[in-house]
C-alpha atoms as a PDB file:
ATOM      1  CA  MET A   1      -0.070   0.071   0.000  1.00  0.00           C
ATOM      2  CA  GLY A   2       1.187   3.522  -0.837  1.00  0.00           C
ATOM      3  CA  ILE A   3       0.731   6.688   1.075  1.00  0.00           C
ATOM      4  CA  TYR A   4      -2.282   7.507  -0.811  1.00  0.00           C
ATOM      5  CA  ASP A   5      -4.101   4.461  -0.201  1.00  0.00           C
ATOM      6  CA  VAL A   6      -5.027   5.822   3.311  1.00  0.00           C
ATOM      7  CA  THR A   7      -7.197   8.589   1.670  1.00  0.00           C
ATOM      8  CA  LYS A   8      -9.016   5.969  -0.482  1.00  0.00           C
ATOM      9  CA  ILE A   9      -9.782   3.839   2.568  1.00  0.00           C
ATOM     10  CA  GLU A  10     -10.879   6.974   4.619  1.00  0.00           C
ATOM     11  CA  GLN A  11     -13.256   7.714   1.649  1.00  0.00           C
ATOM     12  CA  GLU A  12     -14.553   4.100   1.532  1.00  0.00           C
ATOM     13  CA  ILE A  13     -15.151   4.362   5.341  1.00  0.00           C
ATOM     14  CA  GLU A  14     -17.280   7.424   4.949  1.00  0.00           C
ATOM     15  CA  ARG A  15     -19.299   5.946   2.059  1.00  0.00           C
ATOM     16  CA  VAL A  16     -19.882   2.719   4.111  1.00  0.00           C
ATOM     17  CA  ALA A  17     -20.775   4.763   7.293  1.00  0.00           C
ATOM     18  CA  SER A  18     -23.222   6.938   5.321  1.00  0.00           C
ATOM     19  CA  GLU A  19     -24.864   3.933   3.824  1.00  0.00           C
ATOM     20  CA  HIS A  20     -25.323   2.059   7.033  1.00  0.00           C
ATOM     21  CA  GLU A  21     -26.421   4.869   9.502  1.00  0.00           C
ATOM     22  CA  GLY A  22     -22.906   5.303  10.999  1.00  0.00           C
ATOM     23  CA  GLU A  23     -22.123   1.642  11.137  1.00  0.00           C
ATOM     24  CA  ILE A  24     -18.631   0.692   9.920  1.00  0.00           C
ATOM     25  CA  PRO A  25     -17.438  -2.869   9.767  1.00  0.00           C
ATOM     26  CA  GLN A  26     -14.402  -3.665  11.963  1.00  0.00           C
ATOM     27  CA  GLU A  27     -12.405  -5.243   8.987  1.00  0.00           C
ATOM     28  CA  LEU A  28     -12.649  -1.707   7.327  1.00  0.00           C
ATOM     29  CA  LEU A  29     -11.104  -0.009  10.347  1.00  0.00           C
ATOM     30  CA  GLN A  30      -8.584  -2.506  10.755  1.00  0.00           C
ATOM     31  CA  GLU A  31      -7.594  -2.053   7.113  1.00  0.00           C
ATOM     32  CA  LEU A  32      -7.393   1.747   7.911  1.00  0.00           C
ATOM     33  CA  VAL A  33      -5.185   1.246  10.738  1.00  0.00           C
ATOM     34  CA  GLU A  34      -2.830  -1.067   8.799  1.00  0.00           C
ATOM     35  CA  ALA A  35      -2.649   1.421   5.773  1.00  0.00           C
ATOM     36  CA  GLU A  36      -1.778   4.230   8.187  1.00  0.00           C
ATOM     37  CA  MET A  37       1.271   2.238   9.528  1.00  0.00           C
ATOM     38  CA  LYS A  38       2.359   1.339   6.212  1.00  0.00           C
ATOM     39  CA  SER A  39       2.003   4.867   5.013  1.00  0.00           C
ATOM     40  CA  MET A  40       3.997   6.358   8.039  1.00  0.00           C
ATOM     41  CA  GLU A  41       6.671   3.574   7.227  1.00  0.00           C
ATOM     42  CA  SER A  42       6.649   4.679   3.494  1.00  0.00           C
ATOM     43  CA  ILE A  43       7.060   8.527   4.348  1.00  0.00           C
ATOM     44  CA  GLU A  44       9.896   7.486   6.687  1.00  0.00           C
ATOM     45  CA  LYS A  45      11.614   5.943   4.019  1.00  0.00           C
ATOM     46  CA  MET A  46      10.996   8.636   1.682  1.00  0.00           C
ATOM     47  CA  CYS A  47      12.544  11.192   4.252  1.00  0.00           C
ATOM     48  CA  ARG A  48      15.579   8.949   4.617  1.00  0.00           C
ATOM     49  CA  TYR A  49      15.955   8.888   0.862  1.00  0.00           C
ATOM     50  CA  VAL A  50      15.398  12.743   0.569  1.00  0.00           C
ATOM     51  CA  ARG A  51      18.304  12.884   3.334  1.00  0.00           C
ATOM     52  CA  HIS A  52      20.451  10.806   1.197  1.00  0.00           C
ATOM     53  CA  LEU A  53      19.797  12.859  -1.959  1.00  0.00           C
ATOM     54  CA  GLU A  54      20.696  16.026  -0.033  1.00  0.00           C
ATOM     55  CA  GLN A  55      23.968  14.635   1.409  1.00  0.00           C
ATOM     56  CA  PHE A  56      24.758  13.243  -2.214  1.00  0.00           C
ATOM     57  CA  VAL A  57      24.179  16.815  -3.573  1.00  0.00           C
ATOM     58  CA  THR A  58      26.637  18.259  -0.967  1.00  0.00           C
ATOM     59  CA  THR A  59      29.093  15.564  -1.744  1.00  0.00           C
ATOM     60  CA  CYS A  60      28.874  16.565  -5.304  1.00  0.00           C
ATOM     61  CA  LYS A  61      29.379  20.328  -4.698  1.00  0.00           C
ATOM     62  CA  ASP A  62      32.523  19.277  -2.418  1.00  0.00           C
ATOM     63  CA  GLU A  63      33.855  17.006  -5.140  1.00  0.00           C
ATOM     64  CA  LYS A  64      33.507  19.713  -7.648  1.00  0.00           C
ATOM     65  CA  GLU A  65      35.745  22.133  -5.523  1.00  0.00           C
ATOM     66  CA  ARG A  66      38.056  19.370  -4.796  1.00  0.00           C
ATOM     67  CA  ILE A  67      38.649  18.749  -8.526  1.00  0.00           C
ATOM     68  CA  ASN A  68      38.769  22.487  -9.267  1.00  0.00           C
ATOM     69  CA  THR A  69      41.686  22.483  -6.708  1.00  0.00           C
ATOM     70  CA  LEU A  70      43.331  19.532  -8.293  1.00  0.00           C
ATOM     71  CA  GLN A  71      43.200  21.192 -11.810  1.00  0.00           C
ATOM     72  CA  LYS A  72      44.496  24.517 -10.665  1.00  0.00           C
ATOM     73  CA  GLN A  73      47.398  22.576  -8.811  1.00  0.00           C
ATOM     74  CA  ALA A  74      48.028  20.614 -11.962  1.00  0.00           C
ATOM     75  CA  GLU A  75      47.810  23.700 -14.296  1.00  0.00           C
ATOM     76  CA  THR A  76      50.391  25.469 -11.919  1.00  0.00           C
ATOM     77  CA  ARG A  77      52.800  22.547 -12.107  1.00  0.00           C
ATOM     78  CA  LEU A  78      52.379  22.321 -15.869  1.00  0.00           C
ATOM     79  CA  ASP A  79      53.505  26.075 -16.131  1.00  0.00           C
ATOM     80  CA  ASN A  80      56.501  25.460 -13.760  1.00  0.00           C
ATOM     81  CA  VAL A  81      57.710  22.471 -15.674  1.00  0.00           C
ATOM     82  CA  LYS A  82      57.466  24.221 -18.962  1.00  0.00           C
ATOM     83  CA  LYS A  83      59.200  27.539 -17.458  1.00  0.00           C
ATOM     84  CA  TYR A  84      62.029  25.193 -16.333  1.00  0.00           C
ATOM     85  CA  MET A  85      62.371  23.652 -19.659  1.00  0.00           C
ATOM     86  CA  GLN A  86      61.960  26.921 -21.740  1.00  0.00           C
ATOM     87  CA  PRO A  87      65.500  28.294 -21.440  1.00  0.00           C
ATOM     88  CA  TYR A  88      67.194  25.036 -22.449  1.00  0.00           C
ATOM     89  CA  VAL A  89      64.860  24.537 -25.612  1.00  0.00           C
ATOM     90  CA  SER A  90      65.422  28.215 -26.586  1.00  0.00           C
ATOM     91  CA  ASN A  91      69.100  27.810 -26.295  1.00  0.00           C
ATOM     92  CA  ARG A  92      69.154  24.694 -28.645  1.00  0.00           C
ATOM     93  CA  GLY A  93      66.724  25.733 -31.251  1.00  0.00           C
ATOM     94  CA  LYS A  94      64.428  22.819 -32.765  1.00  0.00           C
ATOM     95  CA  PHE A  95      65.415  19.296 -31.887  1.00  0.00           C
ATOM     96  CA  ASN A  96      63.888  15.780 -31.371  1.00  0.00           C
ATOM     97  CA  VAL A  97      63.925  13.715 -28.057  1.00  0.00           C
ATOM     98  CA  GLY A  98      62.620  10.323 -28.588  1.00  0.00           C
ATOM     99  CA  THR A  99      59.047  10.915 -30.177  1.00  0.00           C
ATOM    100  CA  PHE A 100      58.794  14.542 -29.111  1.00  0.00           C
ATOM    101  CA  LYS A 101      59.847  17.637 -31.211  1.00  0.00           C
ATOM    102  CA  LEU A 102      60.934  20.605 -29.022  1.00  0.00           C
ATOM    103  CA  SER A 103      61.098  24.443 -30.325  1.00  0.00           C
ATOM    104  CA  THR A 104      59.966  27.662 -29.209  1.00  0.00           C
ATOM    105  CA  ARG A 105      58.290  30.391 -30.676  1.00  0.00           C
ATOM    106  CA  LYS A 106      57.770  33.957 -30.110  1.00  0.00           C
ATOM    107  CA  SER A 107      54.367  35.408 -29.117  1.00  0.00           C
ATOM    108  CA  GLU A 108      53.311  38.929 -28.016  1.00  0.00           C
ATOM    109  CA  PHE A 109      50.742  39.718 -25.414  1.00  0.00           C
ATOM    110  CA  VAL A 110      49.607  42.836 -23.660  1.00  0.00           C
ATOM    111  CA  VAL A 111      50.043  43.731 -19.837  1.00  0.00           C
ATOM    112  CA  LEU A 112      47.806  46.484 -18.420  1.00  0.00           C
ATOM    113  CA  SER A 113      48.357  48.345 -15.285  1.00  0.00           C
ATOM    114  CA  ALA A 114      45.737  47.571 -12.542  1.00  0.00           C
ATOM    115  CA  ASN A 115      44.071  51.017 -13.039  1.00  0.00           C
ATOM    116  CA  PHE A 116      43.811  50.907 -17.071  1.00  0.00           C
ATOM    117  CA  ASN A 117      40.724  52.664 -18.052  1.00  0.00           C
ATOM    118  CA  ASP A 118      41.170  54.031 -21.395  1.00  0.00           C
ATOM    119  CA  GLN A 119      37.683  54.250 -22.786  1.00  0.00           C
ATOM    120  CA  GLU A 120      38.864  54.310 -26.441  1.00  0.00           C
ATOM    121  CA  TYR A 121      40.331  50.642 -25.798  1.00  0.00           C
ATOM    122  CA  CYS A 122      37.640  49.099 -23.502  1.00  0.00           C
ATOM    123  CA  LYS A 123      34.480  47.338 -24.252  1.00  0.00           C
ATOM    124  CA  GLU A 124      31.519  48.191 -22.369  1.00  0.00           C
ATOM    125  CA  ILE A 125      29.703  45.214 -20.969  1.00  0.00           C
ATOM    126  CA  ILE A 126      26.213  45.848 -19.477  1.00  0.00           C
ATOM    127  CA  GLU A 127      24.764  42.902 -17.322  1.00  0.00           C
ATOM    128  CA  ILE A 128      21.015  43.171 -16.604  1.00  0.00           C
ATOM    129  CA  LYS A 129      20.152  41.232 -13.584  1.00  0.00           C
ATOM    130  CA  PRO A 130      16.534  41.435 -12.258  1.00  0.00           C
ATOM    131  CA  ASP A 131      16.368  42.421  -8.605  1.00  0.00           C
ATOM    132  CA  LYS A 132      13.793  39.849  -7.581  1.00  0.00           C
ATOM    133  CA  LYS A 133      13.544  41.258  -3.951  1.00  0.00           C
ATOM    134  CA  ARG A 134      12.320  44.529  -5.308  1.00  0.00           C
ATOM    135  CA  ILE A 135      10.070  43.010  -7.940  1.00  0.00           C
ATOM    136  CA  LYS A 136       8.467  40.769  -5.306  1.00  0.00           C
ATOM    137  CA  GLU A 137       7.819  43.892  -3.104  1.00  0.00           C
ATOM    138  CA  ALA A 138       6.468  45.751  -5.870  1.00  0.00           C
ATOM    139  CA  LEU A 139       4.051  42.925  -6.945  1.00  0.00           C
ATOM    140  CA  LYS A 140       2.989  42.364  -3.189  1.00  0.00           C
ATOM    141  CA  SER A 141       2.140  46.086  -3.177  1.00  0.00           C
ATOM    142  CA  GLY A 142      -0.095  45.627  -6.155  1.00  0.00           C
ATOM    143  CA  THR A 143       2.199  47.050  -8.805  1.00  0.00           C
ATOM    144  CA  VAL A 144       1.881  45.240 -12.222  1.00  0.00           C
ATOM    145  CA  ILE A 145       5.120  44.483 -13.776  1.00  0.00           C
ATOM    146  CA  LYS A 146       5.023  43.135 -17.214  1.00  0.00           C
ATOM    147  CA  GLY A 147       6.677  39.622 -17.372  1.00  0.00           C
ATOM    148  CA  ALA A 148       6.598  39.266 -13.819  1.00  0.00           C
ATOM    149  CA  THR A 149       4.072  37.241 -11.653  1.00  0.00           C
ATOM    150  CA  LEU A 150       4.144  36.584  -7.912  1.00  0.00           C
ATOM    151  CA  MET A 151       3.596  32.903  -7.437  1.00  0.00           C
ATOM    152  CA  SER A 152       3.377  30.771  -4.030  1.00  0.00           C
ATOM    153  CA  LYS A 153       4.409  27.085  -3.441  1.00  0.00           C
ATOM    154  CA  GLU A 154       4.786  24.956  -0.313  1.00  0.00           C
ATOM    155  CA  ASN A 155       8.252  23.793   0.482  1.00  0.00           C
ATOM    156  CA  LEU A 156       8.922  20.509   2.191  1.00  0.00           C
ATOM    157  CA  GLN A 157      10.909  20.819   5.302  1.00  0.00           C
ATOM    158  CA  ILE A 158      12.575  17.666   6.734  1.00  0.00           C
ATOM    159  CA  LYS A 159      14.188  18.058   9.961  1.00  0.00           C
END
């Protein structure tokens, strides 16, 4: 029996009671009690599963952070090894080592001071981000905002 079977049995009890002047068969009451117990067990199992999923989400977030840290460390080691090898390869020019071909090439890059702000050479990036708190307050006060609707929902709390 599922957690919704209790409601069906309660409806059946009401129907039987109305048809028999309030009399309810003992078997039907027993079935209701058993269904209640099973539904409570089902709800408890589902609560445990919800907790498990919440912990899994937390674990995934932690693992993402750990992997990002490992990636940054690996990138730093890679840069350091390349910087260590670079002068040796520069002095020798192009050469082969086993299956690898080593050489260097020149590149150019721009270094900007921390306070660089020449408008002629800057792109203007405008980010529009809705202020949901203000929108919510305005909608609650009766203001009509095109494209915004105030919705309500019930959130399950498991403690």
